[in-house]
Amino acid sequence: YLQMNNLKPEDTAVYYCAARAGVSL
């Protein structure tokens, strides 16, 4: 999930989720 509060006009975008296999973030 991505909880987005106090949204601003500059937050306007297409949001993508992604998955990563690996050791680190």
mmCIF file of all heavy atoms, coordinates in Angstrom:
data_MODEL
# 
_entry.id   MODEL 
# 
loop_
_atom_site.group_PDB 
_atom_site.id 
_atom_site.type_symbol 
_atom_site.label_atom_id 
_atom_site.label_alt_id 
_atom_site.label_comp_id 
_atom_site.label_asym_id 
_atom_site.label_entity_id 
_atom_site.label_seq_id 
_atom_site.pdbx_PDB_ins_code 
_atom_site.Cartn_x 
_atom_site.Cartn_y 
_atom_site.Cartn_z 
_atom_site.occupancy 
_atom_site.B_iso_or_equiv 
_atom_site.pdbx_formal_charge 
_atom_site.auth_seq_id 
_atom_site.auth_comp_id 
_atom_site.auth_asym_id 
_atom_site.auth_atom_id 
_atom_site.pdbx_PDB_model_num 
ATOM 1   N N   . TYR A 1 1  ? 0.830  -1.200  0.000   1.00 0.00 ? 1  TYR A N   1 
ATOM 2   C CA  . TYR A 1 1  ? 0.000  0.000   0.000   1.00 0.00 ? 1  TYR A CA  1 
ATOM 3   C C   . TYR A 1 1  ? 0.867  1.254   0.000   1.00 0.00 ? 1  TYR A C   1 
ATOM 4   O O   . TYR A 1 1  ? 2.012  1.232   0.456   1.00 0.00 ? 1  TYR A O   1 
ATOM 5   C CB  . TYR A 1 1  ? -0.893 0.033   1.244   1.00 0.00 ? 1  TYR A CB  1 
ATOM 6   C CG  . TYR A 1 1  ? -1.799 -1.158  1.388   1.00 0.00 ? 1  TYR A CG  1 
ATOM 7   C CD1 . TYR A 1 1  ? -1.451 -2.233  2.198   1.00 0.00 ? 1  TYR A CD1 1 
ATOM 8   C CD2 . TYR A 1 1  ? -3.014 -1.215  0.712   1.00 0.00 ? 1  TYR A CD2 1 
ATOM 9   C CE1 . TYR A 1 1  ? -2.272 -3.337  2.334   1.00 0.00 ? 1  TYR A CE1 1 
ATOM 10  C CE2 . TYR A 1 1  ? -3.849 -2.312  0.838   1.00 0.00 ? 1  TYR A CE2 1 
ATOM 11  C CZ  . TYR A 1 1  ? -3.470 -3.368  1.649   1.00 0.00 ? 1  TYR A CZ  1 
ATOM 12  O OH  . TYR A 1 1  ? -4.296 -4.449  1.771   1.00 0.00 ? 1  TYR A OH  1 
ATOM 13  N N   . LEU A 1 2  ? 0.271  2.318   -0.490  1.00 0.00 ? 2  LEU A N   1 
ATOM 14  C CA  . LEU A 1 2  ? 0.895  3.631   -0.356  1.00 0.00 ? 2  LEU A CA  1 
ATOM 15  C C   . LEU A 1 2  ? -0.193 4.590   0.110   1.00 0.00 ? 2  LEU A C   1 
ATOM 16  O O   . LEU A 1 2  ? -1.084 4.952   -0.661  1.00 0.00 ? 2  LEU A O   1 
ATOM 17  C CB  . LEU A 1 2  ? 1.493  4.110   -1.679  1.00 0.00 ? 2  LEU A CB  1 
ATOM 18  C CG  . LEU A 1 2  ? 2.262  5.429   -1.583  1.00 0.00 ? 2  LEU A CG  1 
ATOM 19  C CD1 . LEU A 1 2  ? 3.551  5.235   -0.760  1.00 0.00 ? 2  LEU A CD1 1 
ATOM 20  C CD2 . LEU A 1 2  ? 2.604  5.964   -2.979  1.00 0.00 ? 2  LEU A CD2 1 
ATOM 21  N N   . GLN A 1 3  ? -0.127 4.959   1.380   1.00 0.00 ? 3  GLN A N   1 
ATOM 22  C CA  . GLN A 1 3  ? -1.058 5.929   1.935   1.00 0.00 ? 3  GLN A CA  1 
ATOM 23  C C   . GLN A 1 3  ? -0.504 7.325   1.680   1.00 0.00 ? 3  GLN A C   1 
ATOM 24  O O   . GLN A 1 3  ? 0.605  7.642   2.105   1.00 0.00 ? 3  GLN A O   1 
ATOM 25  C CB  . GLN A 1 3  ? -1.238 5.709   3.437   1.00 0.00 ? 3  GLN A CB  1 
ATOM 26  C CG  . GLN A 1 3  ? -2.124 6.725   4.116   1.00 0.00 ? 3  GLN A CG  1 
ATOM 27  C CD  . GLN A 1 3  ? -3.562 6.646   3.677   1.00 0.00 ? 3  GLN A CD  1 
ATOM 28  O OE1 . GLN A 1 3  ? -4.114 5.551   3.546   1.00 0.00 ? 3  GLN A OE1 1 
ATOM 29  N NE2 . GLN A 1 3  ? -4.193 7.791   3.445   1.00 0.00 ? 3  GLN A NE2 1 
ATOM 30  N N   . MET A 1 4  ? -1.268 8.136   0.979   1.00 0.00 ? 4  MET A N   1 
ATOM 31  C CA  . MET A 1 4  ? -0.816 9.468   0.597   1.00 0.00 ? 4  MET A CA  1 
ATOM 32  C C   . MET A 1 4  ? -1.705 10.505  1.261   1.00 0.00 ? 4  MET A C   1 
ATOM 33  O O   . MET A 1 4  ? -2.915 10.559  0.992   1.00 0.00 ? 4  MET A O   1 
ATOM 34  C CB  . MET A 1 4  ? -0.854 9.622   -0.925  1.00 0.00 ? 4  MET A CB  1 
ATOM 35  C CG  . MET A 1 4  ? -0.093 8.530   -1.664  1.00 0.00 ? 4  MET A CG  1 
ATOM 36  S SD  . MET A 1 4  ? -0.032 8.797   -3.448  1.00 0.00 ? 4  MET A SD  1 
ATOM 37  C CE  . MET A 1 4  ? -1.752 8.607   -3.855  1.00 0.00 ? 4  MET A CE  1 
ATOM 38  N N   . ASN A 1 5  ? -1.125 11.289  2.133   1.00 0.00 ? 5  ASN A N   1 
ATOM 39  C CA  . ASN A 1 5  ? -1.851 12.341  2.845   1.00 0.00 ? 5  ASN A CA  1 
ATOM 40  C C   . ASN A 1 5  ? -1.357 13.715  2.406   1.00 0.00 ? 5  ASN A C   1 
ATOM 41  O O   . ASN A 1 5  ? -0.248 13.853  1.892   1.00 0.00 ? 5  ASN A O   1 
ATOM 42  C CB  . ASN A 1 5  ? -1.666 12.188  4.349   1.00 0.00 ? 5  ASN A CB  1 
ATOM 43  C CG  . ASN A 1 5  ? -2.229 10.886  4.882   1.00 0.00 ? 5  ASN A CG  1 
ATOM 44  O OD1 . ASN A 1 5  ? -3.190 10.339  4.342   1.00 0.00 ? 5  ASN A OD1 1 
ATOM 45  N ND2 . ASN A 1 5  ? -1.628 10.382  5.948   1.00 0.00 ? 5  ASN A ND2 1 
ATOM 46  N N   . ASN A 1 6  ? -2.196 14.706  2.640   1.00 0.00 ? 6  ASN A N   1 
ATOM 47  C CA  . ASN A 1 6  ? -1.831 16.089  2.319   1.00 0.00 ? 6  ASN A CA  1 
ATOM 48  C C   . ASN A 1 6  ? -1.290 16.191  0.888   1.00 0.00 ? 6  ASN A C   1 
ATOM 49  O O   . ASN A 1 6  ? -0.205 16.738  0.655   1.00 0.00 ? 6  ASN A O   1 
ATOM 50  C CB  . ASN A 1 6  ? -0.803 16.615  3.318   1.00 0.00 ? 6  ASN A CB  1 
ATOM 51  C CG  . ASN A 1 6  ? -0.568 18.109  3.189   1.00 0.00 ? 6  ASN A CG  1 
ATOM 52  O OD1 . ASN A 1 6  ? -1.412 18.835  2.665   1.00 0.00 ? 6  ASN A OD1 1 
ATOM 53  N ND2 . ASN A 1 6  ? 0.581  18.563  3.646   1.00 0.00 ? 6  ASN A ND2 1 
ATOM 54  N N   . LEU A 1 7  ? -2.053 15.662  -0.027  1.00 0.00 ? 7  LEU A N   1 
ATOM 55  C CA  . LEU A 1 7  ? -1.602 15.644  -1.416  1.00 0.00 ? 7  LEU A CA  1 
ATOM 56  C C   . LEU A 1 7  ? -1.477 17.051  -1.989  1.00 0.00 ? 7  LEU A C   1 
ATOM 57  O O   . LEU A 1 7  ? -2.240 17.959  -1.634  1.00 0.00 ? 7  LEU A O   1 
ATOM 58  C CB  . LEU A 1 7  ? -2.567 14.819  -2.264  1.00 0.00 ? 7  LEU A CB  1 
ATOM 59  C CG  . LEU A 1 7  ? -2.388 13.297  -2.106  1.00 0.00 ? 7  LEU A CG  1 
ATOM 60  C CD1 . LEU A 1 7  ? -3.628 12.557  -2.554  1.00 0.00 ? 7  LEU A CD1 1 
ATOM 61  C CD2 . LEU A 1 7  ? -1.163 12.842  -2.888  1.00 0.00 ? 7  LEU A CD2 1 
ATOM 62  N N   . LYS A 1 8  ? -0.507 17.197  -2.863  1.00 0.00 ? 8  LYS A N   1 
ATOM 63  C CA  . LYS A 1 8  ? -0.218 18.479  -3.503  1.00 0.00 ? 8  LYS A CA  1 
ATOM 64  C C   . LYS A 1 8  ? -0.347 18.327  -5.021  1.00 0.00 ? 8  LYS A C   1 
ATOM 65  O O   . LYS A 1 8  ? -0.175 17.216  -5.544  1.00 0.00 ? 8  LYS A O   1 
ATOM 66  C CB  . LYS A 1 8  ? 1.202  18.920  -3.147  1.00 0.00 ? 8  LYS A CB  1 
ATOM 67  C CG  . LYS A 1 8  ? 1.472  19.033  -1.653  1.00 0.00 ? 8  LYS A CG  1 
ATOM 68  C CD  . LYS A 1 8  ? 2.923  19.372  -1.383  1.00 0.00 ? 8  LYS A CD  1 
ATOM 69  C CE  . LYS A 1 8  ? 3.206  19.457  0.109   1.00 0.00 ? 8  LYS A CE  1 
ATOM 70  N NZ  . LYS A 1 8  ? 4.623  19.797  0.390   1.00 0.00 ? 8  LYS A NZ  1 
ATOM 71  N N   . PRO A 1 9  ? -0.590 19.410  -5.734  1.00 0.00 ? 9  PRO A N   1 
ATOM 72  C CA  . PRO A 1 9  ? -0.683 19.313  -7.197  1.00 0.00 ? 9  PRO A CA  1 
ATOM 73  C C   . PRO A 1 9  ? 0.570  18.687  -7.817  1.00 0.00 ? 9  PRO A C   1 
ATOM 74  O O   . PRO A 1 9  ? 0.456  17.970  -8.817  1.00 0.00 ? 9  PRO A O   1 
ATOM 75  C CB  . PRO A 1 9  ? -0.856 20.770  -7.626  1.00 0.00 ? 9  PRO A CB  1 
ATOM 76  C CG  . PRO A 1 9  ? -1.555 21.408  -6.467  1.00 0.00 ? 9  PRO A CG  1 
ATOM 77  C CD  . PRO A 1 9  ? -0.964 20.746  -5.250  1.00 0.00 ? 9  PRO A CD  1 
ATOM 78  N N   . GLU A 1 10 ? 1.721  18.907  -7.235  1.00 0.00 ? 10 GLU A N   1 
ATOM 79  C CA  . GLU A 1 10 ? 2.958  18.328  -7.777  1.00 0.00 ? 10 GLU A CA  1 
ATOM 80  C C   . GLU A 1 10 ? 3.065  16.827  -7.568  1.00 0.00 ? 10 GLU A C   1 
ATOM 81  O O   . GLU A 1 10 ? 3.983  16.199  -8.076  1.00 0.00 ? 10 GLU A O   1 
ATOM 82  C CB  . GLU A 1 10 ? 4.192  19.032  -7.200  1.00 0.00 ? 10 GLU A CB  1 
ATOM 83  C CG  . GLU A 1 10 ? 4.220  19.112  -5.688  1.00 0.00 ? 10 GLU A CG  1 
ATOM 84  C CD  . GLU A 1 10 ? 3.707  20.440  -5.159  1.00 0.00 ? 10 GLU A CD  1 
ATOM 85  O OE1 . GLU A 1 10 ? 2.682  20.948  -5.683  1.00 0.00 ? 10 GLU A OE1 1 
ATOM 86  O OE2 . GLU A 1 10 ? 4.332  20.969  -4.212  1.00 0.00 ? 10 GLU A OE2 1 
ATOM 87  N N   . ASP A 1 11 ? 2.116  16.242  -6.836  1.00 0.00 ? 11 ASP A N   1 
ATOM 88  C CA  . ASP A 1 11 ? 2.065  14.786  -6.690  1.00 0.00 ? 11 ASP A CA  1 
ATOM 89  C C   . ASP A 1 11 ? 1.330  14.137  -7.865  1.00 0.00 ? 11 ASP A C   1 
ATOM 90  O O   . ASP A 1 11 ? 1.281  12.910  -7.958  1.00 0.00 ? 11 ASP A O   1 
ATOM 91  C CB  . ASP A 1 11 ? 1.352  14.401  -5.391  1.00 0.00 ? 11 ASP A CB  1 
ATOM 92  C CG  . ASP A 1 11 ? 2.124  14.824  -4.146  1.00 0.00 ? 11 ASP A CG  1 
ATOM 93  O OD1 . ASP A 1 11 ? 3.359  14.687  -4.137  1.00 0.00 ? 11 ASP A OD1 1 
ATOM 94  O OD2 . ASP A 1 11 ? 1.472  15.291  -3.185  1.00 0.00 ? 11 ASP A OD2 1 
ATOM 95  N N   . THR A 1 12 ? 0.762  14.942  -8.735  1.00 0.00 ? 12 THR A N   1 
ATOM 96  C CA  . THR A 1 12 ? 0.053  14.410  -9.900  1.00 0.00 ? 12 THR A CA  1 
ATOM 97  C C   . THR A 1 12 ? 0.998  13.598  -10.777 1.00 0.00 ? 12 THR A C   1 
ATOM 98  O O   . THR A 1 12 ? 2.045  14.097  -11.204 1.00 0.00 ? 12 THR A O   1 
ATOM 99  C CB  . THR A 1 12 ? -0.568 15.555  -10.717 1.00 0.00 ? 12 THR A CB  1 
ATOM 100 O OG1 . THR A 1 12 ? -1.575 16.201  -9.921  1.00 0.00 ? 12 THR A OG1 1 
ATOM 101 C CG2 . THR A 1 12 ? -1.188 15.034  -12.001 1.00 0.00 ? 12 THR A CG2 1 
ATOM 102 N N   . ALA A 1 13 ? 0.628  12.348  -11.032 1.00 0.00 ? 13 ALA A N   1 
ATOM 103 C CA  . ALA A 1 13 ? 1.489  11.440  -11.802 1.00 0.00 ? 13 ALA A CA  1 
ATOM 104 C C   . ALA A 1 13 ? 0.784  10.101  -11.944 1.00 0.00 ? 13 ALA A C   1 
ATOM 105 O O   . ALA A 1 13 ? -0.223 9.836   -11.276 1.00 0.00 ? 13 ALA A O   1 
ATOM 106 C CB  . ALA A 1 13 ? 2.831  11.245  -11.109 1.00 0.00 ? 13 ALA A CB  1 
ATOM 107 N N   . VAL A 1 14 ? 1.334  9.274   -12.797 1.00 0.00 ? 14 VAL A N   1 
ATOM 108 C CA  . VAL A 1 14 ? 0.976  7.859   -12.818 1.00 0.00 ? 14 VAL A CA  1 
ATOM 109 C C   . VAL A 1 14 ? 1.885  7.160   -11.813 1.00 0.00 ? 14 VAL A C   1 
ATOM 110 O O   . VAL A 1 14 ? 3.106  7.314   -11.866 1.00 0.00 ? 14 VAL A O   1 
ATOM 111 C CB  . VAL A 1 14 ? 1.146  7.239   -14.215 1.00 0.00 ? 14 VAL A CB  1 
ATOM 112 C CG1 . VAL A 1 14 ? 0.852  5.743   -14.168 1.00 0.00 ? 14 VAL A CG1 1 
ATOM 113 C CG2 . VAL A 1 14 ? 0.235  7.941   -15.216 1.00 0.00 ? 14 VAL A CG2 1 
ATOM 114 N N   . TYR A 1 15 ? 1.275  6.436   -10.910 1.00 0.00 ? 15 TYR A N   1 
ATOM 115 C CA  . TYR A 1 15 ? 2.010  5.748   -9.854  1.00 0.00 ? 15 TYR A CA  1 
ATOM 116 C C   . TYR A 1 15 ? 2.129  4.267   -10.199 1.00 0.00 ? 15 TYR A C   1 
ATOM 117 O O   . TYR A 1 15 ? 1.142  3.616   -10.553 1.00 0.00 ? 15 TYR A O   1 
ATOM 118 C CB  . TYR A 1 15 ? 1.304  5.922   -8.513  1.00 0.00 ? 15 TYR A CB  1 
ATOM 119 C CG  . TYR A 1 15 ? 1.543  7.285   -7.912  1.00 0.00 ? 15 TYR A CG  1 
ATOM 120 C CD1 . TYR A 1 15 ? 0.951  8.418   -8.470  1.00 0.00 ? 15 TYR A CD1 1 
ATOM 121 C CD2 . TYR A 1 15 ? 2.381  7.456   -6.814  1.00 0.00 ? 15 TYR A CD2 1 
ATOM 122 C CE1 . TYR A 1 15 ? 1.185  9.680   -7.940  1.00 0.00 ? 15 TYR A CE1 1 
ATOM 123 C CE2 . TYR A 1 15 ? 2.616  8.716   -6.274  1.00 0.00 ? 15 TYR A CE2 1 
ATOM 124 C CZ  . TYR A 1 15 ? 2.015  9.826   -6.849  1.00 0.00 ? 15 TYR A CZ  1 
ATOM 125 O OH  . TYR A 1 15 ? 2.250  11.073  -6.322  1.00 0.00 ? 15 TYR A OH  1 
ATOM 126 N N   . TYR A 1 16 ? 3.339  3.761   -10.080 1.00 0.00 ? 16 TYR A N   1 
ATOM 127 C CA  . TYR A 1 16 ? 3.639  2.368   -10.383 1.00 0.00 ? 16 TYR A CA  1 
ATOM 128 C C   . TYR A 1 16 ? 4.159  1.657   -9.137  1.00 0.00 ? 16 TYR A C   1 
ATOM 129 O O   . TYR A 1 16 ? 4.976  2.213   -8.403  1.00 0.00 ? 16 TYR A O   1 
ATOM 130 C CB  . TYR A 1 16 ? 4.717  2.275   -11.463 1.00 0.00 ? 16 TYR A CB  1 
ATOM 131 C CG  . TYR A 1 16 ? 4.350  2.889   -12.786 1.00 0.00 ? 16 TYR A CG  1 
ATOM 132 C CD1 . TYR A 1 16 ? 4.611  4.229   -13.047 1.00 0.00 ? 16 TYR A CD1 1 
ATOM 133 C CD2 . TYR A 1 16 ? 3.746  2.126   -13.789 1.00 0.00 ? 16 TYR A CD2 1 
ATOM 134 C CE1 . TYR A 1 16 ? 4.281  4.799   -14.267 1.00 0.00 ? 16 TYR A CE1 1 
ATOM 135 C CE2 . TYR A 1 16 ? 3.422  2.682   -15.010 1.00 0.00 ? 16 TYR A CE2 1 
ATOM 136 C CZ  . TYR A 1 16 ? 3.685  4.027   -15.238 1.00 0.00 ? 16 TYR A CZ  1 
ATOM 137 O OH  . TYR A 1 16 ? 3.362  4.574   -16.444 1.00 0.00 ? 16 TYR A OH  1 
ATOM 138 N N   . CYS A 1 17 ? 3.706  0.433   -8.951  1.00 0.00 ? 17 CYS A N   1 
ATOM 139 C CA  . CYS A 1 17 ? 4.328  -0.389  -7.928  1.00 0.00 ? 17 CYS A CA  1 
ATOM 140 C C   . CYS A 1 17 ? 5.282  -1.363  -8.617  1.00 0.00 ? 17 CYS A C   1 
ATOM 141 O O   . CYS A 1 17 ? 5.118  -1.695  -9.791  1.00 0.00 ? 17 CYS A O   1 
ATOM 142 C CB  . CYS A 1 17 ? 3.297  -1.142  -7.091  1.00 0.00 ? 17 CYS A CB  1 
ATOM 143 S SG  . CYS A 1 17 ? 2.267  -2.320  -7.980  1.00 0.00 ? 17 CYS A SG  1 
ATOM 144 N N   . ALA A 1 18 ? 6.277  -1.786  -7.871  1.00 0.00 ? 18 ALA A N   1 
ATOM 145 C CA  . ALA A 1 18 ? 7.315  -2.641  -8.423  1.00 0.00 ? 18 ALA A CA  1 
ATOM 146 C C   . ALA A 1 18 ? 7.839  -3.585  -7.348  1.00 0.00 ? 18 ALA A C   1 
ATOM 147 O O   . ALA A 1 18 ? 7.773  -3.271  -6.154  1.00 0.00 ? 18 ALA A O   1 
ATOM 148 C CB  . ALA A 1 18 ? 8.460  -1.784  -8.971  1.00 0.00 ? 18 ALA A CB  1 
ATOM 149 N N   . ALA A 1 19 ? 8.356  -4.707  -7.799  1.00 0.00 ? 19 ALA A N   1 
ATOM 150 C CA  . ALA A 1 19 ? 8.901  -5.715  -6.895  1.00 0.00 ? 19 ALA A CA  1 
ATOM 151 C C   . ALA A 1 19 ? 10.359 -5.982  -7.255  1.00 0.00 ? 19 ALA A C   1 
ATOM 152 O O   . ALA A 1 19 ? 10.725 -6.036  -8.427  1.00 0.00 ? 19 ALA A O   1 
ATOM 153 C CB  . ALA A 1 19 ? 8.090  -7.001  -6.981  1.00 0.00 ? 19 ALA A CB  1 
ATOM 154 N N   . ARG A 1 20 ? 11.137 -6.144  -6.208  1.00 0.00 ? 20 ARG A N   1 
ATOM 155 C CA  . ARG A 1 20 ? 12.580 -6.339  -6.382  1.00 0.00 ? 20 ARG A CA  1 
ATOM 156 C C   . ARG A 1 20 ? 13.034 -7.575  -5.621  1.00 0.00 ? 20 ARG A C   1 
ATOM 157 O O   . ARG A 1 20 ? 12.758 -7.712  -4.422  1.00 0.00 ? 20 ARG A O   1 
ATOM 158 C CB  . ARG A 1 20 ? 13.340 -5.121  -5.861  1.00 0.00 ? 20 ARG A CB  1 
ATOM 159 C CG  . ARG A 1 20 ? 14.831 -5.311  -5.665  1.00 0.00 ? 20 ARG A CG  1 
ATOM 160 C CD  . ARG A 1 20 ? 15.471 -4.018  -5.162  1.00 0.00 ? 20 ARG A CD  1 
ATOM 161 N NE  . ARG A 1 20 ? 16.820 -4.251  -4.653  1.00 0.00 ? 20 ARG A NE  1 
ATOM 162 C CZ  . ARG A 1 20 ? 17.881 -4.425  -5.404  1.00 0.00 ? 20 ARG A CZ  1 
ATOM 163 N NH1 . ARG A 1 20 ? 17.775 -4.376  -6.714  1.00 0.00 ? 20 ARG A NH1 1 
ATOM 164 N NH2 . ARG A 1 20 ? 19.064 -4.632  -4.854  1.00 0.00 ? 20 ARG A NH2 1 
ATOM 165 N N   . ALA A 1 21 ? 13.717 -8.447  -6.337  1.00 0.00 ? 21 ALA A N   1 
ATOM 166 C CA  . ALA A 1 21 ? 14.359 -9.597  -5.694  1.00 0.00 ? 21 ALA A CA  1 
ATOM 167 C C   . ALA A 1 21 ? 15.810 -9.226  -5.454  1.00 0.00 ? 21 ALA A C   1 
ATOM 168 O O   . ALA A 1 21 ? 16.498 -8.818  -6.368  1.00 0.00 ? 21 ALA A O   1 
ATOM 169 C CB  . ALA A 1 21 ? 14.264 -10.824 -6.590  1.00 0.00 ? 21 ALA A CB  1 
ATOM 170 N N   . GLY A 1 22 ? 16.256 -9.319  -4.256  1.00 0.00 ? 22 GLY A N   1 
ATOM 171 C CA  . GLY A 1 22 ? 17.629 -8.959  -3.966  1.00 0.00 ? 22 GLY A CA  1 
ATOM 172 C C   . GLY A 1 22 ? 17.830 -8.801  -2.480  1.00 0.00 ? 22 GLY A C   1 
ATOM 173 O O   . GLY A 1 22 ? 16.897 -8.925  -1.696  1.00 0.00 ? 22 GLY A O   1 
ATOM 174 N N   . VAL A 1 23 ? 19.046 -8.492  -2.122  1.00 0.00 ? 23 VAL A N   1 
ATOM 175 C CA  . VAL A 1 23 ? 19.393 -8.402  -0.718  1.00 0.00 ? 23 VAL A CA  1 
ATOM 176 C C   . VAL A 1 23 ? 18.940 -7.084  -0.114  1.00 0.00 ? 23 VAL A C   1 
ATOM 177 O O   . VAL A 1 23 ? 18.407 -7.033  0.998   1.00 0.00 ? 23 VAL A O   1 
ATOM 178 C CB  . VAL A 1 23 ? 20.914 -8.579  -0.523  1.00 0.00 ? 23 VAL A CB  1 
ATOM 179 C CG1 . VAL A 1 23 ? 21.287 -8.338  0.928   1.00 0.00 ? 23 VAL A CG1 1 
ATOM 180 C CG2 . VAL A 1 23 ? 21.340 -9.959  -0.976  1.00 0.00 ? 23 VAL A CG2 1 
ATOM 181 N N   . SER A 1 24 ? 19.126 -6.011  -0.850  1.00 0.00 ? 24 SER A N   1 
ATOM 182 C CA  . SER A 1 24 ? 18.926 -4.688  -0.274  1.00 0.00 ? 24 SER A CA  1 
ATOM 183 C C   . SER A 1 24 ? 17.768 -3.939  -0.926  1.00 0.00 ? 24 SER A C   1 
ATOM 184 O O   . SER A 1 24 ? 17.321 -4.277  -2.018  1.00 0.00 ? 24 SER A O   1 
ATOM 185 C CB  . SER A 1 24 ? 20.206 -3.863  -0.430  1.00 0.00 ? 24 SER A CB  1 
ATOM 186 O OG  . SER A 1 24 ? 20.512 -3.717  -1.804  1.00 0.00 ? 24 SER A OG  1 
ATOM 187 N N   . LEU A 1 25 ? 17.310 -2.906  -0.244  1.00 0.00 ? 25 LEU A N   1 
ATOM 188 C CA  . LEU A 1 25 ? 16.335 -1.993  -0.833  1.00 0.00 ? 25 LEU A CA  1 
ATOM 189 C C   . LEU A 1 25 ? 17.012 -1.177  -1.928  1.00 0.00 ? 25 LEU A C   1 
ATOM 190 O O   . LEU A 1 25 ? 18.234 -1.035  -1.952  1.00 0.00 ? 25 LEU A O   1 
ATOM 191 C CB  . LEU A 1 25 ? 15.784 -1.063  0.247   1.00 0.00 ? 25 LEU A CB  1 
ATOM 192 C CG  . LEU A 1 25 ? 14.890 -1.699  1.315   1.00 0.00 ? 25 LEU A CG  1 
ATOM 193 C CD1 . LEU A 1 25 ? 14.594 -0.691  2.414   1.00 0.00 ? 25 LEU A CD1 1 
ATOM 194 C CD2 . LEU A 1 25 ? 13.609 -2.204  0.702   1.00 0.00 ? 25 LEU A CD2 1 
# 
